Amino acid sequence: MFNSIEVNNYDFHFELHYCGFLIDCLFPEVIFDLEDDEIVIKLNGRIIDIDELIYFINFNVSHLIYSVVGTNCVKNSYCYFRYFFNTSDKIRHFVNITKIYLKYVPTI
């Protein structure tokens, strides 16, 4: 997670950039796919629901972030992530609109 993330590659004035940031930060442990026009979330290859993703972010990812930055919050991907996705409502919101992002994002 958080591999080669450059926050300057995202324009956080636009909502779908948060979706890209979420996907990029959690990759490869968490993968978001679009199947039959529905979001599928996989954690280490296992399909999970939004509740498990929220738990994973609130405990596993938060521990990782804390181990890297502690209480200092310099402007890096860890701190942006902590600020943007620190509540279940925010996570639910961005996962819901990730459908739009995945539908139109260019594939490599």
PDB file of N, CA and C in Angstrom:
ATOM      1  N   MET A   1       0.837  -1.185   0.000  1.00  0.00           N
ATOM      2  CA  MET A   1       0.000   0.000   0.000  1.00  0.00           C
ATOM      3  C   MET A   1       0.881   1.247   0.000  1.00  0.00           C
ATOM      4  N   PHE A   2       0.321   2.320  -0.512  1.00  0.00           N
ATOM      5  CA  PHE A   2       0.976   3.626  -0.559  1.00  0.00           C
ATOM      6  C   PHE A   2       2.280   3.593  -1.365  1.00  0.00           C
ATOM      7  N   ASN A   3       2.329   2.712  -2.362  1.00  0.00           N
ATOM      8  CA  ASN A   3       3.526   2.608  -3.190  1.00  0.00           C
ATOM      9  C   ASN A   3       3.516   3.671  -4.283  1.00  0.00           C
ATOM     10  N   SER A   4       4.554   4.458  -4.328  1.00  0.00           N
ATOM     11  CA  SER A   4       4.758   5.463  -5.378  1.00  0.00           C
ATOM     12  C   SER A   4       3.583   6.426  -5.537  1.00  0.00           C
ATOM     13  N   ILE A   5       2.987   6.822  -4.439  1.00  0.00           N
ATOM     14  CA  ILE A   5       1.872   7.764  -4.490  1.00  0.00           C
ATOM     15  C   ILE A   5       2.428   9.184  -4.468  1.00  0.00           C
ATOM     16  N   GLU A   6       2.061   9.955  -5.461  1.00  0.00           N
ATOM     17  CA  GLU A   6       2.458  11.359  -5.538  1.00  0.00           C
ATOM     18  C   GLU A   6       1.177  12.189  -5.466  1.00  0.00           C
ATOM     19  N   VAL A   7       0.954  12.838  -4.328  1.00  0.00           N
ATOM     20  CA  VAL A   7      -0.310  13.559  -4.123  1.00  0.00           C
ATOM     21  C   VAL A   7      -0.529  14.663  -5.150  1.00  0.00           C
ATOM     22  N   ASN A   8       0.533  15.168  -5.742  1.00  0.00           N
ATOM     23  CA  ASN A   8       0.380  16.222  -6.750  1.00  0.00           C
ATOM     24  C   ASN A   8      -0.223  15.703  -8.053  1.00  0.00           C
ATOM     25  N   ASN A   9      -0.376  14.390  -8.184  1.00  0.00           N
ATOM     26  CA  ASN A   9      -1.014  13.814  -9.371  1.00  0.00           C
ATOM     27  C   ASN A   9      -2.539  13.841  -9.286  1.00  0.00           C
ATOM     28  N   TYR A  10      -3.076  14.300  -8.172  1.00  0.00           N
ATOM     29  CA  TYR A  10      -4.523  14.322  -7.953  1.00  0.00           C
ATOM     30  C   TYR A  10      -4.967  15.763  -7.749  1.00  0.00           C
ATOM     31  N   ASP A  11      -6.115  16.084  -8.274  1.00  0.00           N
ATOM     32  CA  ASP A  11      -6.697  17.414  -8.049  1.00  0.00           C
ATOM     33  C   ASP A  11      -7.889  17.233  -7.122  1.00  0.00           C
ATOM     34  N   PHE A  12      -7.682  17.480  -5.845  1.00  0.00           N
ATOM     35  CA  PHE A  12      -8.704  17.212  -4.840  1.00  0.00           C
ATOM     36  C   PHE A  12      -9.830  18.238  -4.830  1.00  0.00           C
ATOM     37  N   HIS A  13      -9.869  19.098  -5.836  1.00  0.00           N
ATOM     38  CA  HIS A  13     -11.037  19.949  -6.020  1.00  0.00           C
ATOM     39  C   HIS A  13     -12.146  19.174  -6.729  1.00  0.00           C
ATOM     40  N   PHE A  14     -11.803  17.994  -7.251  1.00  0.00           N
ATOM     41  CA  PHE A  14     -12.764  17.175  -7.994  1.00  0.00           C
ATOM     42  C   PHE A  14     -12.914  15.819  -7.318  1.00  0.00           C
ATOM     43  N   GLU A  15     -14.159  15.443  -7.106  1.00  0.00           N
ATOM     44  CA  GLU A  15     -14.504  14.276  -6.312  1.00  0.00           C
ATOM     45  C   GLU A  15     -13.912  12.967  -6.821  1.00  0.00           C
ATOM     46  N   LEU A  16     -13.897  12.748  -8.116  1.00  0.00           N
ATOM     47  CA  LEU A  16     -13.412  11.471  -8.626  1.00  0.00           C
ATOM     48  C   LEU A  16     -11.911  11.289  -8.407  1.00  0.00           C
ATOM     49  N   HIS A  17     -11.196  12.369  -8.184  1.00  0.00           N
ATOM     50  CA  HIS A  17      -9.768  12.238  -7.876  1.00  0.00           C
ATOM     51  C   HIS A  17      -9.569  11.573  -6.516  1.00  0.00           C
ATOM     52  N   TYR A  18     -10.509  11.747  -5.605  1.00  0.00           N
ATOM     53  CA  TYR A  18     -10.446  11.057  -4.316  1.00  0.00           C
ATOM     54  C   TYR A  18     -10.574   9.549  -4.533  1.00  0.00           C
ATOM     55  N   CYS A  19     -11.424   9.157  -5.472  1.00  0.00           N
ATOM     56  CA  CYS A  19     -11.604   7.738  -5.767  1.00  0.00           C
ATOM     57  C   CYS A  19     -10.310   7.137  -6.296  1.00  0.00           C
ATOM     58  N   GLY A  20      -9.684   7.825  -7.229  1.00  0.00           N
ATOM     59  CA  GLY A  20      -8.412   7.352  -7.755  1.00  0.00           C
ATOM     60  C   GLY A  20      -7.352   7.261  -6.671  1.00  0.00           C
ATOM     61  N   PHE A  21      -7.336   8.250  -5.797  1.00  0.00           N
ATOM     62  CA  PHE A  21      -6.384   8.264  -4.687  1.00  0.00           C
ATOM     63  C   PHE A  21      -6.625   7.083  -3.750  1.00  0.00           C
ATOM     64  N   LEU A  22      -7.879   6.823  -3.406  1.00  0.00           N
ATOM     65  CA  LEU A  22      -8.232   5.690  -2.551  1.00  0.00           C
ATOM     66  C   LEU A  22      -7.762   4.377  -3.183  1.00  0.00           C
ATOM     67  N   ILE A  23      -8.075   4.181  -4.440  1.00  0.00           N
ATOM     68  CA  ILE A  23      -7.697   2.955  -5.156  1.00  0.00           C
ATOM     69  C   ILE A  23      -6.175   2.814  -5.198  1.00  0.00           C
ATOM     70  N   ASP A  24      -5.488   3.885  -5.552  1.00  0.00           N
ATOM     71  CA  ASP A  24      -4.035   3.833  -5.690  1.00  0.00           C
ATOM     72  C   ASP A  24      -3.336   3.590  -4.355  1.00  0.00           C
ATOM     73  N   CYS A  25      -3.820   4.214  -3.290  1.00  0.00           N
ATOM     74  CA  CYS A  25      -3.194   4.048  -1.977  1.00  0.00           C
ATOM     75  C   CYS A  25      -3.326   2.621  -1.454  1.00  0.00           C
ATOM     76  N   LEU A  26      -4.460   2.002  -1.664  1.00  0.00           N
ATOM     77  CA  LEU A  26      -4.711   0.678  -1.089  1.00  0.00           C
ATOM     78  C   LEU A  26      -4.188  -0.472  -1.951  1.00  0.00           C
ATOM     79  N   PHE A  27      -3.852  -0.188  -3.199  1.00  0.00           N
ATOM     80  CA  PHE A  27      -3.347  -1.219  -4.102  1.00  0.00           C
ATOM     81  C   PHE A  27      -1.969  -1.694  -3.637  1.00  0.00           C
ATOM     82  N   PRO A  28      -1.623  -2.941  -3.680  1.00  0.00           N
ATOM     83  CA  PRO A  28      -2.332  -4.073  -4.257  1.00  0.00           C
ATOM     84  C   PRO A  28      -3.145  -4.881  -3.254  1.00  0.00           C
ATOM     85  N   GLU A  29      -3.105  -4.507  -1.963  1.00  0.00           N
ATOM     86  CA  GLU A  29      -3.859  -5.283  -0.969  1.00  0.00           C
ATOM     87  C   GLU A  29      -5.365  -5.228  -1.225  1.00  0.00           C
ATOM     88  N   VAL A  30      -5.848  -4.040  -1.590  1.00  0.00           N
ATOM     89  CA  VAL A  30      -7.277  -3.874  -1.876  1.00  0.00           C
ATOM     90  C   VAL A  30      -7.413  -3.510  -3.352  1.00  0.00           C
ATOM     91  N   ILE A  31      -8.275  -4.234  -4.030  1.00  0.00           N
ATOM     92  CA  ILE A  31      -8.530  -3.981  -5.452  1.00  0.00           C
ATOM     93  C   ILE A  31     -10.016  -3.737  -5.636  1.00  0.00           C
ATOM     94  N   PHE A  32     -10.330  -2.701  -6.389  1.00  0.00           N
ATOM     95  CA  PHE A  32     -11.710  -2.357  -6.706  1.00  0.00           C
ATOM     96  C   PHE A  32     -11.952  -2.720  -8.165  1.00  0.00           C
ATOM     97  N   ASP A  33     -13.009  -3.475  -8.419  1.00  0.00           N
ATOM     98  CA  ASP A  33     -13.384  -3.853  -9.779  1.00  0.00           C
ATOM     99  C   ASP A  33     -14.835  -3.482 -10.014  1.00  0.00           C
ATOM    100  N   LEU A  34     -15.184  -3.409 -11.282  1.00  0.00           N
ATOM    101  CA  LEU A  34     -16.567  -3.186 -11.680  1.00  0.00           C
ATOM    102  C   LEU A  34     -17.029  -4.433 -12.411  1.00  0.00           C
ATOM    103  N   GLU A  35     -17.998  -5.137 -11.835  1.00  0.00           N
ATOM    104  CA  GLU A  35     -18.548  -6.350 -12.434  1.00  0.00           C
ATOM    105  C   GLU A  35     -20.063  -6.216 -12.496  1.00  0.00           C
ATOM    106  N   ASP A  36     -20.607  -6.357 -13.688  1.00  0.00           N
ATOM    107  CA  ASP A  36     -22.051  -6.206 -13.894  1.00  0.00           C
ATOM    108  C   ASP A  36     -22.565  -4.892 -13.316  1.00  0.00           C
ATOM    109  N   ASP A  37     -21.791  -3.834 -13.521  1.00  0.00           N
ATOM    110  CA  ASP A  37     -22.126  -2.485 -13.085  1.00  0.00           C
ATOM    111  C   ASP A  37     -22.208  -2.353 -11.562  1.00  0.00           C
ATOM    112  N   GLU A  38     -21.560  -3.249 -10.849  1.00  0.00           N
ATOM    113  CA  GLU A  38     -21.499  -3.189  -9.385  1.00  0.00           C
ATOM    114  C   GLU A  38     -20.042  -3.189  -8.949  1.00  0.00           C
ATOM    115  N   ILE A  39     -19.752  -2.500  -7.862  1.00  0.00           N
ATOM    116  CA  ILE A  39     -18.396  -2.446  -7.320  1.00  0.00           C
ATOM    117  C   ILE A  39     -18.104  -3.750  -6.577  1.00  0.00           C
ATOM    118  N   VAL A  40     -16.968  -4.335  -6.873  1.00  0.00           N
ATOM    119  CA  VAL A  40     -16.487  -5.511  -6.161  1.00  0.00           C
ATOM    120  C   VAL A  40     -15.171  -5.118  -5.509  1.00  0.00           C
ATOM    121  N   ILE A  41     -15.095  -5.349  -4.206  1.00  0.00           N
ATOM    122  CA  ILE A  41     -13.893  -5.002  -3.438  1.00  0.00           C
ATOM    123  C   ILE A  41     -13.223  -6.307  -3.027  1.00  0.00           C
ATOM    124  N   LYS A  42     -11.923  -6.391  -3.307  1.00  0.00           N
ATOM    125  CA  LYS A  42     -11.170  -7.588  -2.934  1.00  0.00           C
ATOM    126  C   LYS A  42     -10.017  -7.188  -2.027  1.00  0.00           C
ATOM    127  N   LEU A  43      -9.923  -7.884  -0.906  1.00  0.00           N
ATOM    128  CA  LEU A  43      -8.827  -7.703   0.035  1.00  0.00           C
ATOM    129  C   LEU A  43      -7.953  -8.942  -0.043  1.00  0.00           C
ATOM    130  N   ASN A  44      -6.743  -8.770  -0.552  1.00  0.00           N
ATOM    131  CA  ASN A  44      -5.833  -9.901  -0.757  1.00  0.00           C
ATOM    132  C   ASN A  44      -6.503 -11.042  -1.512  1.00  0.00           C
ATOM    133  N   GLY A  45      -7.268 -10.694  -2.538  1.00  0.00           N
ATOM    134  CA  GLY A  45      -7.905 -11.673  -3.409  1.00  0.00           C
ATOM    135  C   GLY A  45      -9.262 -12.181  -2.947  1.00  0.00           C
ATOM    136  N   ARG A  46      -9.672 -11.818  -1.745  1.00  0.00           N
ATOM    137  CA  ARG A  46     -10.950 -12.286  -1.185  1.00  0.00           C
ATOM    138  C   ARG A  46     -11.972 -11.171  -1.270  1.00  0.00           C
ATOM    139  N   ILE A  47     -13.154 -11.472  -1.794  1.00  0.00           N
ATOM    140  CA  ILE A  47     -14.213 -10.463  -1.903  1.00  0.00           C
ATOM    141  C   ILE A  47     -14.694 -10.080  -0.507  1.00  0.00           C
ATOM    142  N   ILE A  48     -14.764  -8.758  -0.277  1.00  0.00           N
ATOM    143  CA  ILE A  48     -15.251  -8.245   1.010  1.00  0.00           C
ATOM    144  C   ILE A  48     -16.361  -7.228   0.755  1.00  0.00           C
ATOM    145  N   ASP A  49     -17.118  -6.927   1.800  1.00  0.00           N
ATOM    146  CA  ASP A  49     -18.157  -5.900   1.684  1.00  0.00           C
ATOM    147  C   ASP A  49     -17.612  -4.568   2.211  1.00  0.00           C
ATOM    148  N   ILE A  50     -18.413  -3.559   2.075  1.00  0.00           N
ATOM    149  CA  ILE A  50     -18.000  -2.211   2.469  1.00  0.00           C
ATOM    150  C   ILE A  50     -17.699  -2.132   3.961  1.00  0.00           C
ATOM    151  N   ASP A  51     -18.445  -2.868   4.779  1.00  0.00           N
ATOM    152  CA  ASP A  51     -18.203  -2.841   6.220  1.00  0.00           C
ATOM    153  C   ASP A  51     -16.813  -3.363   6.564  1.00  0.00           C
ATOM    154  N   GLU A  52     -16.403  -4.435   5.898  1.00  0.00           N
ATOM    155  CA  GLU A  52     -15.072  -4.979   6.165  1.00  0.00           C
ATOM    156  C   GLU A  52     -13.983  -4.023   5.665  1.00  0.00           C
ATOM    157  N   LEU A  53     -14.246  -3.345   4.555  1.00  0.00           N
ATOM    158  CA  LEU A  53     -13.293  -2.346   4.070  1.00  0.00           C
ATOM    159  C   LEU A  53     -13.147  -1.215   5.088  1.00  0.00           C
ATOM    160  N   ILE A  54     -14.258  -0.758   5.629  1.00  0.00           N
ATOM    161  CA  ILE A  54     -14.224   0.303   6.643  1.00  0.00           C
ATOM    162  C   ILE A  54     -13.403  -0.153   7.850  1.00  0.00           C
ATOM    163  N   TYR A  55     -13.632  -1.366   8.287  1.00  0.00           N
ATOM    164  CA  TYR A  55     -12.868  -1.909   9.416  1.00  0.00           C
ATOM    165  C   TYR A  55     -11.379  -1.975   9.068  1.00  0.00           C
ATOM    166  N   PHE A  56     -11.064  -2.482   7.890  1.00  0.00           N
ATOM    167  CA  PHE A  56      -9.681  -2.605   7.441  1.00  0.00           C
ATOM    168  C   PHE A  56      -8.986  -1.236   7.432  1.00  0.00           C
ATOM    169  N   ILE A  57      -9.665  -0.230   6.907  1.00  0.00           N
ATOM    170  CA  ILE A  57      -9.083   1.107   6.860  1.00  0.00           C
ATOM    171  C   ILE A  57      -8.919   1.683   8.262  1.00  0.00           C
ATOM    172  N   ASN A  58      -9.935   1.510   9.094  1.00  0.00           N
ATOM    173  CA  ASN A  58      -9.906   2.106  10.427  1.00  0.00           C
ATOM    174  C   ASN A  58      -8.924   1.440  11.378  1.00  0.00           C
ATOM    175  N   PHE A  59      -8.564   0.203  11.113  1.00  0.00           N
ATOM    176  CA  PHE A  59      -7.610  -0.470  11.997  1.00  0.00           C
ATOM    177  C   PHE A  59      -6.286  -0.768  11.300  1.00  0.00           C
ATOM    178  N   ASN A  60      -6.297  -1.554  10.264  1.00  0.00           N
ATOM    179  CA  ASN A  60      -5.045  -1.943   9.614  1.00  0.00           C
ATOM    180  C   ASN A  60      -4.330  -0.761   8.961  1.00  0.00           C
ATOM    181  N   VAL A  61      -5.054  -0.012   8.144  1.00  0.00           N
ATOM    182  CA  VAL A  61      -4.435   1.115   7.448  1.00  0.00           C
ATOM    183  C   VAL A  61      -4.048   2.205   8.439  1.00  0.00           C
ATOM    184  N   SER A  62      -4.895   2.458   9.421  1.00  0.00           N
ATOM    185  CA  SER A  62      -4.566   3.500  10.398  1.00  0.00           C
ATOM    186  C   SER A  62      -3.310   3.144  11.187  1.00  0.00           C
ATOM    187  N   HIS A  63      -3.109   1.876  11.506  1.00  0.00           N
ATOM    188  CA  HIS A  63      -1.890   1.462  12.212  1.00  0.00           C
ATOM    189  C   HIS A  63      -0.660   1.656  11.326  1.00  0.00           C
ATOM    190  N   LEU A  64      -0.808   1.338  10.049  1.00  0.00           N
ATOM    191  CA  LEU A  64       0.289   1.558   9.114  1.00  0.00           C
ATOM    192  C   LEU A  64       0.638   3.044   9.038  1.00  0.00           C
ATOM    193  N   ILE A  65      -0.384   3.869   8.891  1.00  0.00           N
ATOM    194  CA  ILE A  65      -0.156   5.317   8.800  1.00  0.00           C
ATOM    195  C   ILE A  65       0.529   5.822  10.071  1.00  0.00           C
ATOM    196  N   TYR A  66       0.029   5.399  11.211  1.00  0.00           N
ATOM    197  CA  TYR A  66       0.616   5.857  12.470  1.00  0.00           C
ATOM    198  C   TYR A  66       2.068   5.401  12.600  1.00  0.00           C
ATOM    199  N   SER A  67       2.362   4.191  12.158  1.00  0.00           N
ATOM    200  CA  SER A  67       3.743   3.687  12.248  1.00  0.00           C
ATOM    201  C   SER A  67       4.689   4.480  11.356  1.00  0.00           C
ATOM    202  N   VAL A  68       4.157   5.068  10.299  1.00  0.00           N
ATOM    203  CA  VAL A  68       4.994   5.834   9.374  1.00  0.00           C
ATOM    204  C   VAL A  68       5.125   7.292   9.802  1.00  0.00           C
ATOM    205  N   VAL A  69       4.019   7.919  10.158  1.00  0.00           N
ATOM    206  CA  VAL A  69       4.055   9.363  10.424  1.00  0.00           C
ATOM    207  C   VAL A  69       3.826   9.734  11.884  1.00  0.00           C
ATOM    208  N   GLY A  70       3.383   8.806  12.708  1.00  0.00           N
ATOM    209  CA  GLY A  70       3.109   9.133  14.106  1.00  0.00           C
ATOM    210  C   GLY A  70       2.042  10.202  14.191  1.00  0.00           C
ATOM    211  N   THR A  71       2.284  11.199  14.990  1.00  0.00           N
ATOM    212  CA  THR A  71       1.319  12.284  15.116  1.00  0.00           C
ATOM    213  C   THR A  71       1.698  13.483  14.255  1.00  0.00           C
ATOM    214  N   ASN A  72       2.880  13.448  13.657  1.00  0.00           N
ATOM    215  CA  ASN A  72       3.265  14.507  12.713  1.00  0.00           C
ATOM    216  C   ASN A  72       2.548  14.269  11.413  1.00  0.00           C
ATOM    217  N   CYS A  73       1.935  15.275  10.905  1.00  0.00           N
ATOM    218  CA  CYS A  73       1.201  15.099   9.658  1.00  0.00           C
ATOM    219  C   CYS A  73       1.757  16.049   8.610  1.00  0.00           C
ATOM    220  N   VAL A  74       2.851  15.628   8.011  1.00  0.00           N
ATOM    221  CA  VAL A  74       3.387  16.374   6.894  1.00  0.00           C
ATOM    222  C   VAL A  74       2.533  16.067   5.680  1.00  0.00           C
ATOM    223  N   LYS A  75       2.668  16.862   4.649  1.00  0.00           N
ATOM    224  CA  LYS A  75       1.817  16.665   3.472  1.00  0.00           C
ATOM    225  C   LYS A  75       2.358  15.517   2.626  1.00  0.00           C
ATOM    226  N   ASN A  76       1.943  14.318   2.969  1.00  0.00           N
ATOM    227  CA  ASN A  76       2.287  13.145   2.179  1.00  0.00           C
ATOM    228  C   ASN A  76       1.038  12.287   2.017  1.00  0.00           C
ATOM    229  N   SER A  77       1.159  11.220   1.254  1.00  0.00           N
ATOM    230  CA  SER A  77      -0.020  10.411   0.943  1.00  0.00           C
ATOM    231  C   SER A  77      -0.658   9.808   2.184  1.00  0.00           C
ATOM    232  N   TYR A  78       0.137   9.443   3.175  1.00  0.00           N
ATOM    233  CA  TYR A  78      -0.414   8.863   4.396  1.00  0.00           C
ATOM    234  C   TYR A  78      -1.327   9.854   5.111  1.00  0.00           C
ATOM    235  N   CYS A  79      -0.871  11.076   5.225  1.00  0.00           N
ATOM    236  CA  CYS A  79      -1.645  12.093   5.942  1.00  0.00           C
ATOM    237  C   CYS A  79      -2.884  12.522   5.167  1.00  0.00           C
ATOM    238  N   TYR A  80      -2.748  12.641   3.856  1.00  0.00           N
ATOM    239  CA  TYR A  80      -3.925  12.943   3.051  1.00  0.00           C
ATOM    240  C   TYR A  80      -4.965  11.843   3.197  1.00  0.00           C
ATOM    241  N   PHE A  81      -4.518  10.613   3.137  1.00  0.00           N
ATOM    242  CA  PHE A  81      -5.435   9.481   3.278  1.00  0.00           C
ATOM    243  C   PHE A  81      -6.138   9.541   4.627  1.00  0.00           C
ATOM    244  N   ARG A  82      -5.395   9.778   5.675  1.00  0.00           N
ATOM    245  CA  ARG A  82      -5.976   9.842   7.023  1.00  0.00           C
ATOM    246  C   ARG A  82      -7.024  10.945   7.101  1.00  0.00           C
ATOM    247  N   TYR A  83      -6.770  12.060   6.464  1.00  0.00           N
ATOM    248  CA  TYR A  83      -7.715  13.170   6.485  1.00  0.00           C
ATOM    249  C   TYR A  83      -8.961  12.887   5.628  1.00  0.00           C
ATOM    250  N   PHE A  84      -8.764  12.329   4.431  1.00  0.00           N
ATOM    251  CA  PHE A  84      -9.877  12.128   3.501  1.00  0.00           C
ATOM    252  C   PHE A  84     -10.790  10.965   3.869  1.00  0.00           C
ATOM    253  N   PHE A  85     -10.242   9.910   4.467  1.00  0.00           N
ATOM    254  CA  PHE A  85     -11.017   8.681   4.675  1.00  0.00           C
ATOM    255  C   PHE A  85     -11.061   8.277   6.142  1.00  0.00           C
ATOM    256  N   ASN A  86     -11.276   9.245   7.013  1.00  0.00           N
ATOM    257  CA  ASN A  86     -11.238   8.987   8.447  1.00  0.00           C
ATOM    258  C   ASN A  86     -12.595   8.654   9.066  1.00  0.00           C
ATOM    259  N   THR A  87     -13.654   8.648   8.283  1.00  0.00           N
ATOM    260  CA  THR A  87     -14.965   8.263   8.828  1.00  0.00           C
ATOM    261  C   THR A  87     -15.628   7.245   7.896  1.00  0.00           C
ATOM    262  N   SER A  88     -16.519   6.473   8.459  1.00  0.00           N
ATOM    263  CA  SER A  88     -17.223   5.478   7.643  1.00  0.00           C
ATOM    264  C   SER A  88     -18.099   6.159   6.592  1.00  0.00           C
ATOM    265  N   ASP A  89     -18.661   7.310   6.908  1.00  0.00           N
ATOM    266  CA  ASP A  89     -19.481   8.028   5.920  1.00  0.00           C
ATOM    267  C   ASP A  89     -18.661   8.456   4.711  1.00  0.00           C
ATOM    268  N   LYS A  90     -17.455   8.961   4.953  1.00  0.00           N
ATOM    269  CA  LYS A  90     -16.600   9.360   3.841  1.00  0.00           C
ATOM    270  C   LYS A  90     -16.199   8.156   2.993  1.00  0.00           C
ATOM    271  N   ILE A  91     -15.841   7.067   3.650  1.00  0.00           N
ATOM    272  CA  ILE A  91     -15.447   5.860   2.918  1.00  0.00           C
ATOM    273  C   ILE A  91     -16.617   5.359   2.083  1.00  0.00           C
ATOM    274  N   ARG A  92     -17.797   5.265   2.678  1.00  0.00           N
ATOM    275  CA  ARG A  92     -18.985   4.811   1.935  1.00  0.00           C
ATOM    276  C   ARG A  92     -19.257   5.709   0.724  1.00  0.00           C
ATOM    277  N   HIS A  93     -19.181   6.999   0.945  1.00  0.00           N
ATOM    278  CA  HIS A  93     -19.447   7.945  -0.135  1.00  0.00           C
ATOM    279  C   HIS A  93     -18.495   7.721  -1.308  1.00  0.00           C
ATOM    280  N   PHE A  94     -17.210   7.666  -1.021  1.00  0.00           N
ATOM    281  CA  PHE A  94     -16.248   7.546  -2.116  1.00  0.00           C
ATOM    282  C   PHE A  94     -16.265   6.166  -2.761  1.00  0.00           C
ATOM    283  N   VAL A  95     -16.540   5.139  -2.012  1.00  0.00           N
ATOM    284  CA  VAL A  95     -16.675   3.814  -2.634  1.00  0.00           C
ATOM    285  C   VAL A  95     -17.892   3.801  -3.553  1.00  0.00           C
ATOM    286  N   ASN A  96     -18.975   4.439  -3.144  1.00  0.00           N
ATOM    287  CA  ASN A  96     -20.171   4.482  -3.994  1.00  0.00           C
ATOM    288  C   ASN A  96     -19.920   5.190  -5.317  1.00  0.00           C
ATOM    289  N   ILE A  97     -19.181   6.292  -5.300  1.00  0.00           N
ATOM    290  CA  ILE A  97     -18.943   6.991  -6.559  1.00  0.00           C
ATOM    291  C   ILE A  97     -17.744   6.433  -7.325  1.00  0.00           C
ATOM    292  N   THR A  98     -17.030   5.494  -6.714  1.00  0.00           N
ATOM    293  CA  THR A  98     -15.931   4.824  -7.415  1.00  0.00           C
ATOM    294  C   THR A  98     -16.460   4.096  -8.640  1.00  0.00           C
ATOM    295  N   LYS A  99     -17.723   3.752  -8.618  1.00  0.00           N
ATOM    296  CA  LYS A  99     -18.349   3.107  -9.774  1.00  0.00           C
ATOM    297  C   LYS A  99     -18.190   3.980 -11.019  1.00  0.00           C
ATOM    298  N   ILE A 100     -18.406   5.272 -10.879  1.00  0.00           N
ATOM    299  CA  ILE A 100     -18.251   6.198 -12.005  1.00  0.00           C
ATOM    300  C   ILE A 100     -16.789   6.228 -12.441  1.00  0.00           C
ATOM    301  N   TYR A 101     -15.895   6.318 -11.485  1.00  0.00           N
ATOM    302  CA  TYR A 101     -14.464   6.365 -11.778  1.00  0.00           C
ATOM    303  C   TYR A 101     -14.045   5.113 -12.563  1.00  0.00           C
ATOM    304  N   LEU A 102     -14.409   3.940 -12.055  1.00  0.00           N
ATOM    305  CA  LEU A 102     -13.998   2.692 -12.703  1.00  0.00           C
ATOM    306  C   LEU A 102     -14.621   2.513 -14.081  1.00  0.00           C
ATOM    307  N   LYS A 103     -15.798   3.054 -14.263  1.00  0.00           N
ATOM    308  CA  LYS A 103     -16.502   2.903 -15.529  1.00  0.00           C
ATOM    309  C   LYS A 103     -15.787   3.637 -16.666  1.00  0.00           C
ATOM    310  N   TYR A 104     -15.140   4.746 -16.352  1.00  0.00           N
ATOM    311  CA  TYR A 104     -14.572   5.588 -17.394  1.00  0.00           C
ATOM    312  C   TYR A 104     -13.054   5.763 -17.335  1.00  0.00           C
ATOM    313  N   VAL A 105     -12.408   5.286 -16.289  1.00  0.00           N
ATOM    314  CA  VAL A 105     -10.952   5.458 -16.194  1.00  0.00           C
ATOM    315  C   VAL A 105     -10.281   4.661 -17.306  1.00  0.00           C
ATOM    316  N   PRO A 106      -9.296   5.266 -17.961  1.00  0.00           N
ATOM    317  CA  PRO A 106      -8.596   4.520 -19.003  1.00  0.00           C
ATOM    318  C   PRO A 106      -7.828   3.348 -18.396  1.00  0.00           C
ATOM    319  N   THR A 107      -7.831   2.237 -19.067  1.00  0.00           N
ATOM    320  CA  THR A 107      -7.062   1.078 -18.600  1.00  0.00           C
ATOM    321  C   THR A 107      -5.751   1.017 -19.342  1.00  0.00           C
ATOM    322  N   ILE A 108      -4.756   0.531 -18.664  1.00  0.00           N
ATOM    323  CA  ILE A 108      -3.417   0.459 -19.275  1.00  0.00           C
ATOM    324  C   ILE A 108      -3.155  -0.968 -19.730  1.00  0.00           C
TER     325      ILE A 108
END
